[in-house]
Amino acid sequence: MKKILLSIATIGFVGAAAAGLTGAFFSDTETSTGNTFTAGAIDLKVDSVQHYNGMVCTVVGEVSTWQPEVGFVPGPDQYPVAGTPCDGTWSLVDLDTVAHKFFNFGDVKPADQGESTVSLHIDNNPAWACVDIKTTGNNENSRIEPEITAGDLTDDPDGGELAENIHVFAWLDNASTSGAVLGDNIWQAGEIVLQTPVALSALGATTTLALADSVTGSPLPGGSTSYVGLGWCAGTLNASVPGTWTCDGSTMGNNAQTDSATTTVAFRVEQSRNNAAFRCSVPVQS
């Protein structure tokens, strides 16, 4: 019996000794460090040049004033007056809802007309681009005697008549043929009409215009600049002949006196990669 117990003890000792031994194996390790994913950017910058009745809003230093267009000679009743302040021209920025307005006029009369040439600058990624326009206010403000005589009989503060008398027109100001200059604030043959002439009152619901989406064709290339012309007329705007559009102020009556209309213009871009079916007309998801 003692011999059996001794044998068991010996086996246990040998097993314990074996467990303490270190094996030798060939091996190799290859390490890659710093593996990184960095998100790309879709960033839009906007600038604007504002035109009004033959004048252009010109920035010199930090001062913006109305100055005659090249070749335009102001008459004695010119409005706006050369040298008076303006605020519709600025260099490349992210738009500020307070500081940057394409239209900000306080003394509009029948047959007044103007245009803002807006340039959109895309960073280094191609993107789809849209513009959303909505008339947000059509204010009566007050009813003076000429308005009442003209048939303006309501005191509804939101019942103004100016929005139905201001017509707007939009096009891609991107022609590069026949010597045309990109962003020259002139609607020319071959330039795509984004919005046919329409009264601001018809834009009470958001109107979305496709600058570039899957329906119109290719996205805006990364690093590119595109130009949009936004024209307006106090009266009826006619844009039937490329190269010119006209403003007939005779259709704007006294019932619009003292009224004001407010419009929001929003430009937006969205990545085109992995997004081939994007359409501007599809509502933006909140």
Protein backbone atom coordinates (compact mmCIF):
# COMPACT_ATOMS: atom_id res chain seq x y z
CA MET A 1 0.00 0.00 0.00
CA LYS A 2 2.89 2.34 0.81
CA LYS A 3 4.41 1.62 -2.62
CA ILE A 4 1.16 2.60 -4.35
CA LEU A 5 0.89 5.88 -2.44
CA LEU A 6 4.54 6.65 -3.19
CA SER A 7 3.95 6.12 -6.91
CA ILE A 8 0.97 8.46 -6.90
CA ALA A 9 2.99 11.14 -5.12
CA THR A 10 5.80 10.78 -7.64
CA ILE A 11 3.41 11.20 -10.58
CA GLY A 12 1.94 14.33 -8.99
CA PHE A 13 5.40 15.83 -8.54
CA VAL A 14 6.39 15.20 -12.15
CA GLY A 15 3.12 16.75 -13.35
CA ALA A 16 3.70 19.87 -11.25
CA ALA A 17 7.23 20.21 -12.60
CA ALA A 18 6.00 19.91 -16.16
CA ALA A 19 3.45 22.68 -15.62
CA GLY A 20 6.20 25.06 -14.63
CA LEU A 21 8.18 24.68 -17.88
CA THR A 22 8.11 27.50 -20.60
CA GLY A 23 7.57 26.46 -24.24
CA ALA A 24 9.55 28.07 -27.15
CA PHE A 25 7.48 29.03 -30.27
CA PHE A 26 8.38 31.02 -33.43
CA SER A 27 6.25 34.19 -33.74
CA ASP A 28 5.98 37.55 -35.49
CA THR A 29 3.81 40.72 -34.96
CA GLU A 30 3.06 43.45 -37.52
CA THR A 31 1.32 46.64 -36.23
CA SER A 32 -0.45 49.44 -38.13
CA THR A 33 -1.09 52.52 -35.96
CA GLY A 34 -3.01 55.74 -36.48
CA ASN A 35 -5.82 54.29 -38.59
CA THR A 36 -8.32 57.17 -38.87
CA PHE A 37 -11.69 57.98 -40.36
CA THR A 38 -12.23 61.73 -40.94
CA ALA A 39 -15.63 63.01 -42.01
CA GLY A 40 -15.73 65.08 -45.18
CA ALA A 41 -17.45 68.46 -45.31
CA ILE A 42 -20.30 69.88 -47.32
CA ASP A 43 -20.06 73.62 -46.74
CA LEU A 44 -21.80 76.39 -48.66
CA LYS A 45 -20.69 80.02 -48.76
CA VAL A 46 -22.76 82.77 -50.36
CA ASP A 47 -22.04 86.24 -51.67
CA SER A 48 -24.30 88.79 -53.36
CA VAL A 49 -24.24 91.85 -55.61
CA GLN A 50 -27.41 93.97 -55.51
CA HIS A 51 -28.79 96.08 -58.38
CA TYR A 52 -31.70 98.56 -58.26
CA ASN A 53 -32.96 100.95 -60.96
CA GLY A 54 -29.62 101.23 -62.75
CA MET A 55 -27.58 101.44 -59.56
CA VAL A 56 -25.35 98.82 -57.95
CA CYS A 57 -24.67 98.45 -54.24
CA THR A 58 -20.91 98.96 -53.98
CA VAL A 59 -18.69 98.13 -51.02
CA VAL A 60 -15.60 100.24 -50.37
CA GLY A 61 -13.86 99.26 -47.16
CA GLU A 62 -16.64 98.89 -44.62
CA VAL A 63 -19.03 101.33 -46.35
CA SER A 64 -21.75 100.24 -48.81
CA THR A 65 -23.37 102.85 -51.06
CA TRP A 66 -25.39 103.00 -54.26
CA GLN A 67 -23.32 103.84 -57.33
CA PRO A 68 -24.33 104.03 -61.04
CA GLU A 69 -23.92 100.88 -63.12
CA VAL A 70 -21.24 101.08 -65.80
CA GLY A 71 -22.63 103.20 -68.64
CA PHE A 72 -25.71 104.35 -66.69
CA VAL A 73 -26.30 108.08 -66.24
CA PRO A 74 -28.74 108.86 -63.39
CA GLY A 75 -31.54 111.32 -64.12
CA PRO A 76 -32.70 114.14 -61.82
CA ASP A 77 -35.28 111.93 -60.09
CA GLN A 78 -32.96 108.93 -59.71
CA TYR A 79 -33.80 106.51 -56.91
CA PRO A 80 -31.88 105.22 -55.11
CA VAL A 81 -29.63 108.26 -54.99
CA ALA A 82 -25.92 107.78 -55.61
CA GLY A 83 -23.95 107.75 -52.38
CA THR A 84 -26.83 106.70 -50.13
CA PRO A 85 -26.42 103.55 -47.98
CA CYS A 86 -27.30 100.05 -49.18
CA ASP A 87 -26.91 96.59 -47.68
CA GLY A 88 -27.44 93.97 -50.40
CA THR A 89 -23.84 93.37 -51.47
CA TRP A 90 -21.38 91.30 -49.46
CA SER A 91 -18.41 89.00 -49.91
CA LEU A 92 -18.25 85.26 -49.27
CA VAL A 93 -19.97 84.37 -45.97
CA ASP A 94 -22.21 81.97 -44.14
CA LEU A 95 -25.52 83.83 -44.28
CA ASP A 96 -26.65 85.61 -41.15
CA THR A 97 -30.44 85.83 -40.86
CA VAL A 98 -30.22 89.42 -39.64
CA ALA A 99 -27.29 90.93 -41.53
CA HIS A 100 -27.74 89.47 -45.01
CA LYS A 101 -30.82 90.37 -47.03
CA PHE A 102 -31.07 90.10 -50.81
CA PHE A 103 -33.98 92.60 -50.77
CA ASN A 104 -34.39 95.31 -48.13
CA PHE A 105 -36.14 98.33 -49.64
CA GLY A 106 -38.28 100.81 -47.77
CA ASP A 107 -39.66 103.09 -50.51
CA VAL A 108 -40.73 100.93 -53.44
CA LYS A 109 -42.76 102.62 -56.19
CA PRO A 110 -44.51 101.24 -59.32
CA ALA A 111 -42.03 100.27 -62.08
CA ASP A 112 -39.11 99.99 -59.67
CA GLN A 113 -37.04 96.94 -60.50
CA GLY A 114 -33.89 95.26 -59.38
CA GLU A 115 -31.85 92.10 -59.21
CA SER A 116 -29.46 90.33 -56.89
CA THR A 117 -26.74 88.15 -58.38
CA VAL A 118 -26.05 85.44 -55.83
CA SER A 119 -23.00 83.20 -56.09
CA LEU A 120 -22.83 79.83 -54.36
CA HIS A 121 -19.42 78.46 -53.46
CA ILE A 122 -19.14 74.72 -52.76
CA ASP A 123 -16.16 73.30 -50.85
CA ASN A 124 -14.16 70.36 -52.20
CA ASN A 125 -17.02 67.83 -52.32
CA PRO A 126 -19.66 67.68 -55.10
CA ALA A 127 -23.17 68.46 -53.87
CA TRP A 128 -26.78 68.82 -54.90
CA ALA A 129 -28.17 72.35 -54.44
CA CYS A 130 -31.64 73.81 -53.91
CA VAL A 131 -33.25 77.13 -53.03
CA ASP A 132 -36.41 77.48 -50.95
CA ILE A 133 -38.48 80.68 -51.23
CA LYS A 134 -41.42 81.58 -49.03
CA THR A 135 -43.39 84.79 -48.52
CA THR A 136 -43.76 85.12 -44.77
CA GLY A 137 -45.54 88.46 -44.47
CA ASN A 138 -47.97 90.68 -46.40
CA ASN A 139 -48.66 93.50 -44.01
CA GLU A 140 -51.23 96.28 -44.31
CA ASN A 141 -49.33 98.51 -41.86
CA SER A 142 -51.84 101.38 -42.19
CA ARG A 143 -54.57 102.50 -44.58
CA ILE A 144 -54.19 106.02 -45.86
CA GLU A 145 -56.76 107.91 -47.94
CA PRO A 146 -55.45 106.86 -51.40
CA GLU A 147 -55.64 103.19 -50.39
CA ILE A 148 -59.19 103.49 -49.13
CA THR A 149 -60.25 105.35 -52.26
CA ALA A 150 -58.69 102.57 -54.34
CA GLY A 151 -60.90 100.03 -52.59
CA ASP A 152 -58.73 98.86 -49.71
CA LEU A 153 -61.46 98.44 -47.12
CA THR A 154 -59.96 95.95 -44.67
CA ASP A 155 -58.00 96.63 -41.51
CA ASP A 156 -56.61 93.09 -41.40
CA PRO A 157 -52.93 93.60 -40.43
CA ASP A 158 -51.98 90.64 -42.63
CA GLY A 159 -54.17 91.75 -45.53
CA GLY A 160 -51.73 93.91 -47.46
CA GLU A 161 -51.73 94.17 -51.24
CA LEU A 162 -48.01 94.63 -51.94
CA ALA A 163 -47.19 90.91 -52.22
CA GLU A 164 -49.57 90.53 -55.14
CA ASN A 165 -47.88 93.45 -56.90
CA ILE A 166 -44.24 92.44 -56.49
CA HIS A 167 -43.22 89.84 -59.08
CA VAL A 168 -40.01 87.83 -58.97
CA PHE A 169 -38.02 85.85 -61.51
CA ALA A 170 -35.02 83.51 -61.04
CA TRP A 171 -32.49 81.94 -63.38
CA LEU A 172 -29.10 80.23 -63.38
CA ASP A 173 -26.72 83.00 -64.41
CA ASN A 174 -24.13 80.54 -65.67
CA ALA A 175 -23.91 81.14 -69.44
CA SER A 176 -20.39 80.72 -70.77
CA THR A 177 -21.10 80.82 -74.51
CA SER A 178 -20.90 83.71 -76.99
CA GLY A 179 -18.62 85.66 -74.70
CA ALA A 180 -21.20 85.85 -71.90
CA VAL A 181 -19.80 86.52 -68.45
CA LEU A 182 -20.67 84.23 -65.58
CA GLY A 183 -22.79 86.00 -62.98
CA ASP A 184 -23.30 89.13 -65.08
CA ASN A 185 -26.88 89.69 -63.74
CA ILE A 186 -28.31 89.38 -67.28
CA TRP A 187 -30.71 86.60 -68.29
CA GLN A 188 -29.37 85.31 -71.59
CA ALA A 189 -30.18 82.62 -74.15
CA GLY A 190 -29.18 79.21 -72.86
CA GLU A 191 -29.50 80.14 -69.18
CA ILE A 192 -31.95 77.94 -67.30
CA VAL A 193 -35.05 79.60 -65.83
CA LEU A 194 -35.55 78.44 -62.25
CA GLN A 195 -38.76 80.38 -61.61
CA THR A 196 -40.95 82.02 -64.22
CA PRO A 197 -42.33 85.45 -63.18
CA VAL A 198 -44.65 85.03 -60.21
CA ALA A 199 -46.20 87.31 -57.58
CA LEU A 200 -44.85 87.05 -54.05
CA SER A 201 -48.40 86.34 -52.91
CA ALA A 202 -48.22 83.02 -54.81
CA LEU A 203 -45.25 81.93 -52.69
CA GLY A 204 -47.12 81.67 -49.40
CA ALA A 205 -46.17 78.01 -49.20
CA THR A 206 -42.50 77.15 -49.60
CA THR A 207 -41.50 77.02 -53.27
CA THR A 208 -38.45 74.85 -53.89
CA LEU A 209 -36.25 75.39 -56.94
CA ALA A 210 -33.69 72.80 -58.05
CA LEU A 211 -30.32 74.28 -58.89
CA ALA A 212 -28.87 70.78 -59.19
CA ASP A 213 -30.54 67.49 -58.28
CA SER A 214 -31.06 64.01 -59.75
CA VAL A 215 -33.80 65.34 -62.04
CA THR A 216 -31.85 68.28 -63.49
CA GLY A 217 -28.68 66.24 -63.97
CA SER A 218 -25.23 66.50 -62.42
CA PRO A 219 -24.32 67.83 -58.96
CA LEU A 220 -22.32 71.00 -58.52
CA PRO A 221 -18.62 70.03 -58.70
CA GLY A 222 -16.51 70.35 -55.58
CA GLY A 223 -14.69 73.66 -55.47
CA SER A 224 -17.06 75.24 -57.98
CA THR A 225 -19.03 78.50 -58.04
CA SER A 226 -22.55 78.80 -59.43
CA TYR A 227 -24.56 81.97 -60.00
CA VAL A 228 -28.26 82.63 -59.50
CA GLY A 229 -30.08 85.76 -60.69
CA LEU A 230 -33.01 86.90 -58.53
CA GLY A 231 -34.97 89.62 -60.33
CA TRP A 232 -37.96 91.59 -59.05
CA CYS A 233 -40.45 94.16 -60.34
CA ALA A 234 -42.98 96.45 -58.67
CA GLY A 235 -45.71 95.68 -61.17
CA THR A 236 -45.86 92.98 -63.85
CA LEU A 237 -42.59 91.33 -64.84
CA ASN A 238 -42.28 89.99 -68.38
CA ALA A 239 -39.45 87.59 -69.19
CA SER A 240 -40.35 86.20 -72.59
CA VAL A 241 -37.21 87.21 -74.53
CA PRO A 242 -33.77 86.06 -73.33
CA GLY A 243 -31.39 88.94 -72.90
CA THR A 244 -33.92 91.21 -71.29
CA TRP A 245 -36.91 91.33 -69.02
CA THR A 246 -39.27 94.24 -68.53
CA CYS A 247 -41.25 95.73 -65.65
CA ASP A 248 -44.69 97.27 -66.19
CA GLY A 249 -45.58 99.43 -63.19
CA SER A 250 -49.03 100.39 -64.51
CA THR A 251 -50.58 97.29 -62.94
CA MET A 252 -49.64 98.35 -59.40
CA GLY A 253 -52.37 100.48 -57.84
CA ASN A 254 -52.78 102.80 -54.86
CA ASN A 255 -54.18 99.98 -52.71
CA ALA A 256 -50.58 98.82 -52.15
CA GLN A 257 -49.41 102.11 -50.61
CA THR A 258 -47.69 101.77 -47.18
CA ASP A 259 -47.93 97.94 -47.35
CA SER A 260 -44.92 95.66 -46.91
CA ALA A 261 -44.08 92.11 -47.97
CA THR A 262 -41.46 89.83 -46.44
CA THR A 263 -39.81 86.83 -48.05
CA THR A 264 -37.36 84.18 -46.88
CA VAL A 265 -34.76 82.84 -49.32
CA ALA A 266 -32.80 79.77 -48.18
CA PHE A 267 -30.06 77.99 -50.13
CA ARG A 268 -29.17 74.42 -49.14
CA VAL A 269 -26.77 71.75 -50.35
CA GLU A 270 -26.54 68.01 -49.73
CA GLN A 271 -23.85 65.46 -50.54
CA SER A 272 -24.21 63.69 -53.88
CA ARG A 273 -21.99 60.69 -53.14
CA ASN A 274 -24.12 57.67 -52.18
CA ASN A 275 -27.15 59.90 -52.75
CA ALA A 276 -27.81 59.52 -56.47
CA ALA A 277 -31.61 59.81 -56.22
CA PHE A 278 -31.70 63.12 -54.32
CA ARG A 279 -34.51 65.49 -55.32
CA CYS A 280 -34.92 69.06 -54.10
CA SER A 281 -38.70 68.64 -54.07
CA VAL A 282 -38.57 66.02 -51.31
CA PRO A 283 -39.09 67.76 -47.93
CA VAL A 284 -36.04 68.14 -45.71
CA GLN A 285 -36.15 65.71 -42.78
CA SER A 286 -36.01 67.40 -39.38
